[in-house]
Amino acid sequence: MTTPAQLADDGLAPAISLAGIEKWYGTRDAPVHALAATDLEVAEREFVVLLGPSGCGKTTMLRMIGGLIAPTGGTLTVEGQRLWDGENRRSEAVSELGMVFQDANLFPWLSIEDNIALPLELKGMDKARRRARAHELCQLVGIKGFEKRWPRELSGGMRQRAAIARALSYDPKILLMDEPFGALDAMTRDAMNLELQRIWMDTGKTIILVTHSISEAVFLADRIVLLSPRPGKIDTIVEVPIPRPRRSEVQASETFQSIALALRQRLAEIS
């Protein structure tokens, strides 16, 4: 795995770069400073997790990176291209991004394969090619054989697999995930963490994931970015030196428990 330090040494541009990025929200009462000026670089193929208390700006940061809300200040680049010019986002940078949310947001009147292929239809790809791509992605995310099913016929975990497949349909270099497993039961969530690790290792995507779960963060991340309460700012960045692939049993290891305990204690101190 290429680290940010190695990127600097090699002279390579990071996949994502935040320089002084911040966000203020206007309200009827008074402006709210959601995210303080923040600097962060994410390397190609790196798995970074944003962790912190509710309201600390994790989702705000992710949505600015995803081109959904404009930053109030600072510069944000994706694959070397500036993402925002004031309130305007640049389409060439957005094309490198895929997003997955807590709710799968599948269209109930479309089959699973048509939900997955929808971004390709919007891009003008012919039906045969987008159906082939949908079937390929169903294989990748572990829902092969369910292509013709309706979303209501799938479990929550399987719907999220379909949502991940849809985000990967046009082969973005970067996958942004906002608590994608937060609504799932504990056993399904653990299974999806294993699946996401496999998908990430198979595809080589750069991933940024937001979560409230310390154990999920330690299991998935190369680096964990811990944010302070509002206005959010980076409090601590923790490297996770656990070899991959990681199995469920790794959660009982001394290294895993030590990292999780340190994060839990730091969260208690800053919350």
Protein backbone atom coordinates (compact mmCIF):
# COMPACT_ATOMS: atom_id res chain seq x y z
CA MET A 1 0.00 0.00 0.00
CA THR A 2 1.34 3.41 -0.98
CA THR A 3 1.43 5.77 1.98
CA PRO A 4 1.14 9.58 1.80
CA ALA A 5 4.79 9.85 2.83
CA GLN A 6 5.80 7.58 -0.07
CA LEU A 7 3.71 9.69 -2.44
CA ALA A 8 5.64 12.77 -1.40
CA ASP A 9 8.95 10.96 -1.84
CA ASP A 10 7.94 9.70 -5.29
CA GLY A 11 6.59 13.05 -6.42
CA LEU A 12 3.17 11.51 -7.19
CA ALA A 13 -0.08 13.43 -6.86
CA PRO A 14 -2.48 12.08 -4.22
CA ALA A 15 -5.87 10.73 -5.26
CA ILE A 16 -7.56 13.37 -3.08
CA SER A 17 -6.10 16.53 -1.59
CA LEU A 18 -7.77 18.95 0.84
CA ALA A 19 -5.96 22.23 1.46
CA GLY A 20 -7.60 24.54 3.99
CA ILE A 21 -11.06 23.14 3.20
CA GLU A 22 -13.76 24.44 5.54
CA LYS A 23 -17.53 24.77 5.68
CA TRP A 24 -19.94 27.29 7.19
CA TYR A 25 -23.70 26.78 7.06
CA GLY A 26 -26.07 29.74 7.16
CA THR A 27 -29.03 29.34 9.52
CA ARG A 28 -31.88 31.62 10.65
CA ASP A 29 -30.17 32.14 14.01
CA ALA A 30 -26.47 32.38 13.24
CA PRO A 31 -23.86 30.85 10.93
CA VAL A 32 -22.70 27.36 11.94
CA HIS A 33 -19.03 26.48 11.54
CA ALA A 34 -19.31 22.80 10.59
CA LEU A 35 -15.73 22.10 9.52
CA ALA A 36 -12.63 24.13 10.39
CA ALA A 37 -9.85 24.62 7.82
CA THR A 38 -8.58 21.10 7.12
CA ASP A 39 -5.61 19.67 5.25
CA LEU A 40 -5.64 16.00 4.23
CA GLU A 41 -4.15 13.86 1.48
CA VAL A 42 -5.37 10.41 0.49
CA ALA A 43 -3.13 8.16 -1.57
CA GLU A 44 -4.14 6.10 -4.60
CA ARG A 45 -5.71 2.77 -3.52
CA GLU A 46 -5.69 3.82 0.13
CA PHE A 47 -8.59 2.97 2.46
CA VAL A 48 -9.23 5.92 4.79
CA VAL A 49 -11.95 6.00 7.46
CA LEU A 50 -13.38 9.22 8.93
CA LEU A 51 -14.36 8.72 12.57
CA GLY A 52 -15.67 11.08 15.22
CA PRO A 53 -18.63 12.14 17.38
CA SER A 54 -21.98 13.07 15.83
CA GLY A 55 -21.95 16.51 14.24
CA CYS A 56 -18.17 16.69 13.87
CA GLY A 57 -18.23 17.24 10.10
CA LYS A 58 -17.49 13.74 8.79
CA THR A 59 -20.39 13.68 6.35
CA THR A 60 -19.85 17.34 5.46
CA MET A 61 -16.26 16.56 4.49
CA LEU A 62 -17.31 13.51 2.47
CA ARG A 63 -20.04 15.42 0.64
CA MET A 64 -17.63 18.21 -0.29
CA ILE A 65 -15.21 15.59 -1.66
CA GLY A 66 -18.14 13.99 -3.50
CA GLY A 67 -19.14 17.21 -5.23
CA LEU A 68 -22.48 17.45 -3.41
CA ILE A 69 -21.89 20.59 -1.35
CA ALA A 70 -19.44 23.40 -2.02
CA PRO A 71 -16.76 24.30 0.53
CA THR A 72 -16.77 27.79 2.01
CA GLY A 73 -13.00 28.05 1.61
CA GLY A 74 -9.92 26.13 0.62
CA THR A 75 -8.96 23.97 -2.36
CA LEU A 76 -10.03 20.40 -3.09
CA THR A 77 -8.47 18.32 -5.85
CA VAL A 78 -9.44 14.88 -7.15
CA GLU A 79 -6.93 12.95 -9.26
CA GLY A 80 -4.99 16.18 -9.70
CA GLN A 81 -8.02 18.15 -10.92
CA ARG A 82 -9.59 20.98 -8.95
CA LEU A 83 -13.11 19.90 -7.96
CA TRP A 84 -14.67 23.25 -7.02
CA ASP A 85 -14.55 26.70 -8.59
CA GLY A 86 -16.49 28.64 -5.98
CA GLU A 87 -20.00 27.13 -5.97
CA ASN A 88 -19.44 25.34 -9.29
CA ARG A 89 -18.13 21.80 -9.45
CA ARG A 90 -16.04 20.59 -12.36
CA SER A 91 -17.59 17.59 -14.11
CA GLU A 92 -14.26 16.06 -15.16
CA ALA A 93 -13.30 15.66 -11.49
CA VAL A 94 -16.75 14.39 -10.42
CA SER A 95 -16.53 11.61 -13.02
CA GLU A 96 -13.82 9.94 -10.91
CA LEU A 97 -16.17 9.61 -7.91
CA GLY A 98 -18.71 6.98 -6.87
CA MET A 99 -20.89 7.35 -3.76
CA VAL A 100 -22.71 4.92 -1.46
CA PHE A 101 -25.05 6.12 1.29
CA GLN A 102 -26.59 4.51 4.38
CA ASP A 103 -29.82 3.94 2.46
CA ALA A 104 -29.29 1.90 -0.70
CA ASN A 105 -31.70 4.24 -2.55
CA LEU A 106 -32.59 1.66 -5.19
CA PHE A 107 -35.52 2.47 -7.46
CA PRO A 108 -38.28 -0.01 -6.52
CA TRP A 109 -39.71 -0.15 -10.05
CA LEU A 110 -36.38 -1.22 -11.56
CA SER A 111 -34.82 -4.67 -11.35
CA ILE A 112 -31.48 -5.06 -9.60
CA GLU A 113 -29.58 -5.18 -12.88
CA ASP A 114 -31.40 -2.09 -14.16
CA ASN A 115 -30.66 -0.22 -10.92
CA ILE A 116 -26.97 -1.08 -11.26
CA ALA A 117 -26.89 -0.15 -14.94
CA LEU A 118 -28.81 3.12 -14.57
CA PRO A 119 -25.72 5.40 -14.48
CA LEU A 120 -24.54 3.73 -17.70
CA GLU A 121 -27.93 4.28 -19.34
CA LEU A 122 -27.73 7.95 -18.39
CA LYS A 123 -24.29 8.08 -20.02
CA GLY A 124 -25.75 6.65 -23.26
CA MET A 125 -24.25 3.15 -23.14
CA ASP A 126 -26.17 0.62 -25.24
CA LYS A 127 -28.39 -1.93 -23.49
CA ALA A 128 -26.30 -5.03 -24.19
CA ARG A 129 -23.10 -3.50 -22.82
CA ARG A 130 -24.70 -2.09 -19.68
CA ARG A 131 -26.47 -5.38 -18.94
CA ALA A 132 -23.16 -7.21 -19.32
CA ARG A 133 -21.53 -4.73 -16.94
CA ALA A 134 -24.35 -5.16 -14.41
CA HIS A 135 -23.92 -8.95 -14.46
CA GLU A 136 -20.16 -8.57 -14.03
CA LEU A 137 -20.69 -6.34 -11.00
CA CYS A 138 -23.30 -8.67 -9.47
CA GLN A 139 -20.61 -11.34 -9.57
CA LEU A 140 -18.09 -8.97 -7.95
CA VAL A 141 -20.33 -7.93 -5.04
CA GLY A 142 -21.76 -11.40 -4.39
CA ILE A 143 -25.34 -11.13 -5.69
CA LYS A 144 -24.99 -13.19 -8.87
CA GLY A 145 -28.33 -14.80 -9.69
CA PHE A 146 -30.38 -11.91 -8.31
CA GLU A 147 -30.12 -9.65 -11.36
CA LYS A 148 -33.83 -9.95 -12.26
CA ARG A 149 -35.13 -9.53 -8.70
CA TRP A 150 -36.86 -6.40 -7.39
CA PRO A 151 -35.19 -4.46 -4.55
CA ARG A 152 -38.03 -5.45 -2.15
CA GLU A 153 -37.09 -9.10 -2.65
CA LEU A 154 -33.56 -8.60 -1.29
CA SER A 155 -32.30 -8.28 2.27
CA GLY A 156 -30.79 -5.02 3.52
CA GLY A 157 -27.27 -6.36 3.07
CA MET A 158 -27.96 -7.49 -0.48
CA ARG A 159 -29.50 -4.13 -1.37
CA GLN A 160 -26.32 -2.44 -0.14
CA ARG A 161 -24.26 -4.79 -2.31
CA ALA A 162 -26.38 -3.63 -5.25
CA ALA A 163 -25.79 0.01 -4.26
CA ILE A 164 -22.03 -0.61 -4.19
CA ALA A 165 -22.26 -2.25 -7.62
CA ARG A 166 -24.16 0.76 -8.98
CA ALA A 167 -21.49 3.13 -7.62
CA LEU A 168 -18.83 1.03 -9.37
CA SER A 169 -20.76 0.74 -12.65
CA TYR A 170 -18.85 3.46 -14.52
CA ASP A 171 -15.52 2.41 -12.95
CA PRO A 172 -14.71 5.51 -10.86
CA LYS A 173 -11.25 5.62 -9.32
CA ILE A 174 -12.60 6.74 -5.93
CA LEU A 175 -15.45 5.32 -3.82
CA LEU A 176 -16.99 7.50 -1.09
CA MET A 177 -19.14 5.75 1.51
CA ASP A 178 -21.31 7.44 4.14
CA GLU A 179 -22.11 4.89 6.87
CA PRO A 180 -23.17 2.32 4.26
CA PHE A 181 -23.79 -0.42 6.85
CA GLY A 182 -25.15 1.70 9.69
CA ALA A 183 -28.72 0.39 9.33
CA LEU A 184 -27.75 -3.30 9.22
CA ASP A 185 -27.79 -5.76 12.10
CA ALA A 186 -24.45 -6.64 13.71
CA MET A 187 -23.93 -10.00 11.98
CA THR A 188 -24.80 -8.63 8.53
CA ARG A 189 -22.59 -5.61 9.14
CA ASP A 190 -19.60 -7.82 10.00
CA ALA A 191 -20.21 -9.85 6.84
CA MET A 192 -20.41 -6.68 4.74
CA ASN A 193 -17.13 -5.42 6.20
CA LEU A 194 -15.47 -8.60 4.98
CA GLU A 195 -17.10 -8.19 1.58
CA LEU A 196 -16.09 -4.55 1.27
CA GLN A 197 -12.49 -5.42 2.09
CA ARG A 198 -12.56 -8.10 -0.64
CA ILE A 199 -14.12 -5.73 -3.19
CA TRP A 200 -11.54 -3.05 -2.37
CA MET A 201 -8.66 -5.52 -2.73
CA ASP A 202 -10.09 -6.86 -6.00
CA THR A 203 -10.68 -3.45 -7.60
CA GLY A 204 -7.84 -1.33 -6.22
CA LYS A 205 -10.14 1.66 -5.68
CA THR A 206 -9.36 4.54 -3.34
CA ILE A 207 -12.00 4.47 -0.58
CA ILE A 208 -13.06 7.01 2.04
CA LEU A 209 -15.64 5.70 4.48
CA VAL A 210 -17.53 7.51 7.25
CA THR A 211 -18.53 5.49 10.31
CA HIS A 212 -19.40 5.81 13.99
CA SER A 213 -18.11 2.30 14.68
CA ILE A 214 -14.60 2.06 16.11
CA SER A 215 -14.32 -1.66 15.38
CA GLU A 216 -15.45 -1.14 11.77
CA ALA A 217 -12.88 1.64 11.37
CA VAL A 218 -10.00 -0.45 12.70
CA PHE A 219 -11.01 -3.50 10.66
CA LEU A 220 -11.25 -1.67 7.33
CA ALA A 221 -8.81 1.23 7.40
CA ASP A 222 -5.24 1.80 6.37
CA ARG A 223 -5.57 5.12 8.22
CA ILE A 224 -8.23 6.43 10.57
CA VAL A 225 -8.83 10.19 10.61
CA LEU A 226 -10.37 11.15 13.95
CA LEU A 227 -12.28 14.45 13.90
CA SER A 228 -12.98 16.67 16.90
CA PRO A 229 -16.44 18.05 17.80
CA ARG A 230 -17.80 21.01 15.82
CA PRO A 231 -16.22 22.87 14.26
CA GLY A 232 -14.66 19.63 13.11
CA LYS A 233 -10.94 19.46 12.62
CA ILE A 234 -8.46 16.62 12.45
CA ASP A 235 -7.55 15.60 15.99
CA THR A 236 -5.56 12.43 15.33
CA ILE A 237 -4.56 10.25 12.38
CA VAL A 238 -3.98 6.60 13.27
CA GLU A 239 -2.18 4.08 11.06
CA VAL A 240 -3.56 0.53 11.18
CA PRO A 241 -0.58 -1.81 10.61
CA ILE A 242 -2.62 -5.03 10.46
CA PRO A 243 -1.80 -7.27 7.45
CA ARG A 244 -4.44 -8.00 4.84
CA PRO A 245 -6.62 -9.79 4.13
CA ARG A 246 -8.05 -9.32 7.61
CA ARG A 247 -10.35 -11.99 8.98
CA SER A 248 -12.98 -11.56 11.68
CA GLU A 249 -10.69 -13.18 14.27
CA VAL A 250 -8.24 -10.28 13.97
CA GLN A 251 -10.57 -8.27 16.21
CA ALA A 252 -9.37 -10.35 19.16
CA SER A 253 -5.69 -9.57 18.47
CA GLU A 254 -3.62 -7.37 20.77
CA THR A 255 -2.88 -4.87 17.99
CA PHE A 256 -6.54 -4.47 17.07
CA GLN A 257 -7.65 -4.09 20.67
CA SER A 258 -4.87 -1.61 21.44
CA ILE A 259 -5.82 0.65 18.51
CA ALA A 260 -9.52 0.42 19.33
CA LEU A 261 -8.92 1.23 23.01
CA ALA A 262 -6.75 4.25 22.17
CA LEU A 263 -9.43 5.59 19.81
CA ARG A 264 -12.17 5.00 22.36
CA GLN A 265 -10.22 6.84 25.05
CA ARG A 266 -9.42 9.75 22.75
CA LEU A 267 -13.05 10.04 21.67
CA ALA A 268 -14.10 10.19 25.32
CA GLU A 269 -11.55 12.96 25.95
CA ILE A 270 -12.65 15.19 23.07
CA SER A 271 -16.41 14.56 23.14
